[in-house]
């Protein structure tokens, strides 16, 4: 399977990938989401599912079907580990 060299995941790869937690389909994060996440990372306000602070900016992301969780793309590689996924609810705290 070919891996992309930039922040995008090929349509072919995206069709195969699924959320490792619930098996749902994934879609590409939009530019606004990535920009907002990177701002939160720079402000040290973002944690992954394991509770660890997210320290590296992301070049993209894959959002699971429910829209609540993002698997980051770092240096063009999707990080498909549930513990390293980012809850999008952190962007809009109640």
N, C-alpha and C. Protein backbone atom coordinates (compact mmCIF):
# COMPACT_ATOMS: atom_id res chain seq x y z
N UNK A 1 0.84 -1.17 0.00
CA UNK A 1 0.00 0.00 0.00
C UNK A 1 0.89 1.23 0.00
N UNK A 2 0.63 2.15 -0.91
CA UNK A 2 1.44 3.36 -0.97
C UNK A 2 1.00 4.35 0.09
N UNK A 3 1.97 5.02 0.67
CA UNK A 3 1.66 6.03 1.67
C UNK A 3 1.85 7.40 1.03
N UNK A 4 1.00 8.34 1.35
CA UNK A 4 1.12 9.67 0.77
C UNK A 4 2.35 10.38 1.30
N UNK A 5 2.83 11.35 0.53
CA UNK A 5 4.01 12.09 0.96
C UNK A 5 3.66 13.44 1.55
N UNK A 6 2.38 13.81 1.53
CA UNK A 6 1.98 15.07 2.13
C UNK A 6 0.87 14.83 3.13
N UNK A 7 0.09 15.85 3.44
CA UNK A 7 -0.91 15.74 4.49
C UNK A 7 -2.17 15.00 4.06
N UNK A 8 -2.29 14.64 2.80
CA UNK A 8 -3.50 13.98 2.34
C UNK A 8 -3.31 12.47 2.27
N UNK A 9 -4.39 11.79 2.47
CA UNK A 9 -4.41 10.35 2.34
C UNK A 9 -5.11 10.06 1.03
N UNK A 10 -4.57 9.17 0.23
CA UNK A 10 -5.18 8.89 -1.07
C UNK A 10 -6.58 8.32 -0.88
N UNK A 11 -7.42 8.51 -1.89
CA UNK A 11 -8.78 7.98 -1.85
C UNK A 11 -8.76 6.47 -1.65
N UNK A 12 -7.82 5.83 -2.27
CA UNK A 12 -7.68 4.36 -2.18
C UNK A 12 -7.38 3.93 -0.74
N UNK A 13 -6.46 4.63 -0.11
CA UNK A 13 -6.11 4.32 1.28
C UNK A 13 -7.27 4.65 2.21
N UNK A 14 -7.92 5.79 1.99
CA UNK A 14 -9.03 6.20 2.82
C UNK A 14 -10.18 5.19 2.77
N UNK A 15 -10.38 4.58 1.62
CA UNK A 15 -11.45 3.59 1.47
C UNK A 15 -11.19 2.34 2.32
N UNK A 16 -9.94 2.08 2.63
CA UNK A 16 -9.56 0.89 3.40
C UNK A 16 -9.54 1.16 4.90
N UNK A 17 -9.08 2.33 5.28
CA UNK A 17 -8.90 2.65 6.70
C UNK A 17 -10.24 2.74 7.43
N UNK A 18 -10.26 2.29 8.66
CA UNK A 18 -11.43 2.38 9.55
C UNK A 18 -10.96 2.77 10.94
N UNK A 19 -11.86 3.32 11.71
CA UNK A 19 -11.55 3.64 13.10
C UNK A 19 -11.20 2.34 13.82
N UNK A 20 -10.05 2.26 14.46
CA UNK A 20 -9.67 1.03 15.16
C UNK A 20 -10.53 0.75 16.39
N UNK A 21 -11.26 1.75 16.87
CA UNK A 21 -12.10 1.57 18.05
C UNK A 21 -13.48 1.03 17.70
N UNK A 22 -14.15 1.65 16.74
CA UNK A 22 -15.52 1.22 16.44
C UNK A 22 -15.73 0.73 15.01
N UNK A 23 -14.69 0.74 14.20
CA UNK A 23 -14.77 0.22 12.83
C UNK A 23 -15.48 1.13 11.85
N UNK A 24 -15.80 2.36 12.26
CA UNK A 24 -16.54 3.26 11.38
C UNK A 24 -15.64 3.86 10.30
N UNK A 25 -16.30 4.37 9.26
CA UNK A 25 -15.59 5.02 8.17
C UNK A 25 -14.92 6.29 8.65
N UNK A 26 -13.88 6.69 7.92
CA UNK A 26 -13.15 7.91 8.23
C UNK A 26 -13.24 8.87 7.05
N UNK A 27 -13.25 10.16 7.34
CA UNK A 27 -13.20 11.18 6.31
C UNK A 27 -12.06 12.13 6.63
N UNK A 28 -11.62 12.85 5.62
CA UNK A 28 -10.54 13.81 5.83
C UNK A 28 -11.03 15.00 6.66
N UNK A 29 -10.20 15.45 7.57
CA UNK A 29 -10.49 16.68 8.32
C UNK A 29 -10.39 17.84 7.35
N UNK A 30 -11.23 18.84 7.56
CA UNK A 30 -11.15 20.01 6.67
C UNK A 30 -10.05 20.96 7.17
N UNK A 31 -9.70 21.90 6.33
CA UNK A 31 -8.61 22.83 6.65
C UNK A 31 -8.89 23.61 7.92
N UNK A 32 -10.14 24.03 8.12
CA UNK A 32 -10.48 24.79 9.33
C UNK A 32 -10.24 23.97 10.59
N UNK A 33 -10.60 22.68 10.57
CA UNK A 33 -10.37 21.81 11.73
C UNK A 33 -8.89 21.68 12.02
N UNK A 34 -8.09 21.45 10.98
CA UNK A 34 -6.64 21.28 11.17
C UNK A 34 -6.03 22.57 11.71
N UNK A 35 -6.46 23.70 11.18
CA UNK A 35 -5.95 24.99 11.65
C UNK A 35 -6.30 25.20 13.12
N UNK A 36 -7.55 24.91 13.48
CA UNK A 36 -7.99 25.08 14.87
C UNK A 36 -7.25 24.12 15.82
N UNK A 37 -7.05 22.89 15.38
CA UNK A 37 -6.31 21.93 16.19
C UNK A 37 -4.86 22.38 16.39
N UNK A 38 -4.22 22.85 15.33
CA UNK A 38 -2.84 23.29 15.45
C UNK A 38 -2.71 24.51 16.36
N UNK A 39 -3.71 25.40 16.35
CA UNK A 39 -3.70 26.54 17.28
C UNK A 39 -3.82 26.05 18.72
N UNK A 40 -4.68 25.05 18.95
CA UNK A 40 -4.83 24.48 20.30
C UNK A 40 -3.56 23.75 20.73
N UNK A 41 -2.90 23.10 19.80
CA UNK A 41 -1.64 22.42 20.11
C UNK A 41 -0.59 23.46 20.51
N UNK A 42 -0.49 24.53 19.74
CA UNK A 42 0.49 25.58 20.03
C UNK A 42 0.22 26.24 21.38
N UNK A 43 -1.06 26.30 21.77
CA UNK A 43 -1.43 26.90 23.06
C UNK A 43 -1.38 25.88 24.20
N UNK A 44 -0.94 24.67 23.91
CA UNK A 44 -0.81 23.60 24.92
C UNK A 44 -2.16 23.28 25.57
N UNK A 45 -3.24 23.28 24.77
CA UNK A 45 -4.59 23.01 25.28
C UNK A 45 -5.15 21.66 24.84
N UNK A 46 -4.38 20.88 24.12
CA UNK A 46 -4.93 19.66 23.53
C UNK A 46 -4.27 18.41 24.11
N UNK A 47 -5.10 17.42 24.40
CA UNK A 47 -4.61 16.12 24.89
C UNK A 47 -5.17 15.02 24.00
N UNK A 48 -4.42 13.93 23.92
CA UNK A 48 -4.92 12.78 23.17
C UNK A 48 -5.80 11.93 24.08
N UNK A 49 -6.33 10.83 23.56
CA UNK A 49 -7.24 9.99 24.32
C UNK A 49 -6.60 9.43 25.58
N UNK A 50 -5.29 9.24 25.58
CA UNK A 50 -4.61 8.70 26.77
C UNK A 50 -4.38 9.77 27.83
N UNK A 51 -4.67 11.04 27.50
CA UNK A 51 -4.46 12.13 28.45
C UNK A 51 -3.14 12.84 28.28
N UNK A 52 -2.32 12.38 27.36
CA UNK A 52 -1.01 12.98 27.12
C UNK A 52 -1.16 14.25 26.27
N UNK A 53 -0.45 15.32 26.61
CA UNK A 53 -0.52 16.53 25.79
C UNK A 53 -0.05 16.27 24.36
N UNK A 54 -0.76 16.85 23.40
CA UNK A 54 -0.34 16.75 22.00
C UNK A 54 0.67 17.86 21.79
N UNK A 55 1.89 17.48 21.39
CA UNK A 55 2.98 18.45 21.30
C UNK A 55 3.39 18.78 19.87
N UNK A 56 3.12 17.88 18.93
CA UNK A 56 3.52 18.11 17.53
C UNK A 56 2.33 18.57 16.72
N UNK A 57 2.54 19.58 15.88
CA UNK A 57 1.47 20.02 15.00
C UNK A 57 1.15 18.90 14.01
N UNK A 58 -0.06 18.95 13.49
CA UNK A 58 -0.50 17.91 12.56
C UNK A 58 -0.58 18.49 11.15
N UNK A 59 -0.40 17.62 10.17
CA UNK A 59 -0.49 18.07 8.78
C UNK A 59 -1.86 17.74 8.19
N UNK A 60 -2.69 17.05 8.96
CA UNK A 60 -4.03 16.68 8.53
C UNK A 60 -4.63 15.76 9.55
N UNK A 61 -5.78 15.20 9.23
CA UNK A 61 -6.42 14.28 10.16
C UNK A 61 -7.53 13.51 9.50
N UNK A 62 -7.89 12.41 10.13
CA UNK A 62 -9.00 11.57 9.68
C UNK A 62 -10.04 11.55 10.79
N UNK A 63 -11.26 11.94 10.45
CA UNK A 63 -12.33 12.06 11.43
C UNK A 63 -13.25 10.85 11.29
N UNK A 64 -13.58 10.22 12.42
CA UNK A 64 -14.47 9.06 12.35
C UNK A 64 -15.91 9.52 12.10
N UNK A 65 -16.74 8.59 11.67
CA UNK A 65 -18.10 8.89 11.19
C UNK A 65 -18.92 9.70 12.18
N UNK A 66 -18.78 9.48 13.46
CA UNK A 66 -19.56 10.21 14.46
C UNK A 66 -19.10 11.66 14.60
N UNK A 67 -17.93 11.99 14.07
CA UNK A 67 -17.42 13.36 14.10
C UNK A 67 -16.81 13.80 15.40
N UNK A 68 -16.63 12.87 16.33
CA UNK A 68 -16.13 13.24 17.65
C UNK A 68 -14.64 12.99 17.86
N UNK A 69 -14.00 12.28 16.95
CA UNK A 69 -12.62 11.85 17.17
C UNK A 69 -11.82 12.00 15.89
N UNK A 70 -10.58 12.46 16.02
CA UNK A 70 -9.70 12.66 14.88
C UNK A 70 -8.42 11.86 15.08
N UNK A 71 -8.04 11.13 14.06
CA UNK A 71 -6.74 10.45 14.04
C UNK A 71 -5.80 11.39 13.30
N UNK A 72 -4.75 11.87 13.97
CA UNK A 72 -3.87 12.85 13.34
C UNK A 72 -3.03 12.27 12.22
N UNK A 73 -2.71 13.13 11.26
CA UNK A 73 -1.73 12.80 10.23
C UNK A 73 -0.52 13.64 10.55
N UNK A 74 0.59 12.97 10.80
CA UNK A 74 1.84 13.64 11.17
C UNK A 74 2.89 13.29 10.11
N UNK A 75 3.45 14.30 9.50
CA UNK A 75 4.44 14.11 8.45
C UNK A 75 3.91 13.20 7.34
N UNK A 76 2.62 13.34 7.02
CA UNK A 76 2.03 12.58 5.93
C UNK A 76 1.60 11.17 6.28
N UNK A 77 1.75 10.77 7.55
CA UNK A 77 1.43 9.40 7.96
C UNK A 77 0.28 9.42 8.97
N UNK A 78 -0.82 8.73 8.66
CA UNK A 78 -1.93 8.65 9.63
C UNK A 78 -1.52 7.86 10.87
N UNK A 79 -1.78 8.43 12.04
CA UNK A 79 -1.50 7.75 13.30
C UNK A 79 -2.80 7.09 13.73
N UNK A 80 -2.92 5.80 13.47
CA UNK A 80 -4.17 5.08 13.67
C UNK A 80 -4.19 4.34 15.01
N UNK A 81 -3.71 4.98 16.05
CA UNK A 81 -3.73 4.42 17.39
C UNK A 81 -4.81 5.12 18.20
N UNK A 82 -5.75 4.37 18.75
CA UNK A 82 -6.88 4.96 19.47
C UNK A 82 -6.42 5.87 20.60
N UNK A 83 -5.40 5.46 21.33
CA UNK A 83 -4.91 6.27 22.45
C UNK A 83 -4.31 7.60 22.00
N UNK A 84 -3.87 7.69 20.74
CA UNK A 84 -3.27 8.92 20.24
C UNK A 84 -4.26 9.76 19.42
N UNK A 85 -5.51 9.29 19.34
CA UNK A 85 -6.55 10.06 18.67
C UNK A 85 -6.89 11.29 19.52
N UNK A 86 -7.45 12.29 18.88
CA UNK A 86 -7.78 13.55 19.54
C UNK A 86 -9.29 13.73 19.56
N UNK A 87 -9.83 13.95 20.74
CA UNK A 87 -11.26 14.22 20.87
C UNK A 87 -11.54 15.64 20.36
N UNK A 88 -12.41 15.76 19.38
CA UNK A 88 -12.75 17.07 18.82
C UNK A 88 -13.62 17.88 19.77
N UNK A 89 -14.15 17.26 20.79
CA UNK A 89 -14.95 17.97 21.79
C UNK A 89 -14.09 18.99 22.55
N UNK A 90 -12.78 18.80 22.55
CA UNK A 90 -11.88 19.74 23.22
C UNK A 90 -11.90 21.11 22.56
N UNK A 91 -12.28 21.17 21.29
CA UNK A 91 -12.29 22.43 20.56
C UNK A 91 -13.48 23.31 20.96
N UNK A 92 -14.54 22.68 21.43
CA UNK A 92 -15.75 23.40 21.81
C UNK A 92 -16.19 23.02 23.22
N UNK A 93 -15.39 23.39 24.23
CA UNK A 93 -15.76 22.99 25.59
C UNK A 93 -17.09 23.62 26.01
N UNK A 94 -17.84 22.85 26.77
CA UNK A 94 -19.17 23.32 27.21
C UNK A 94 -19.08 24.37 28.27
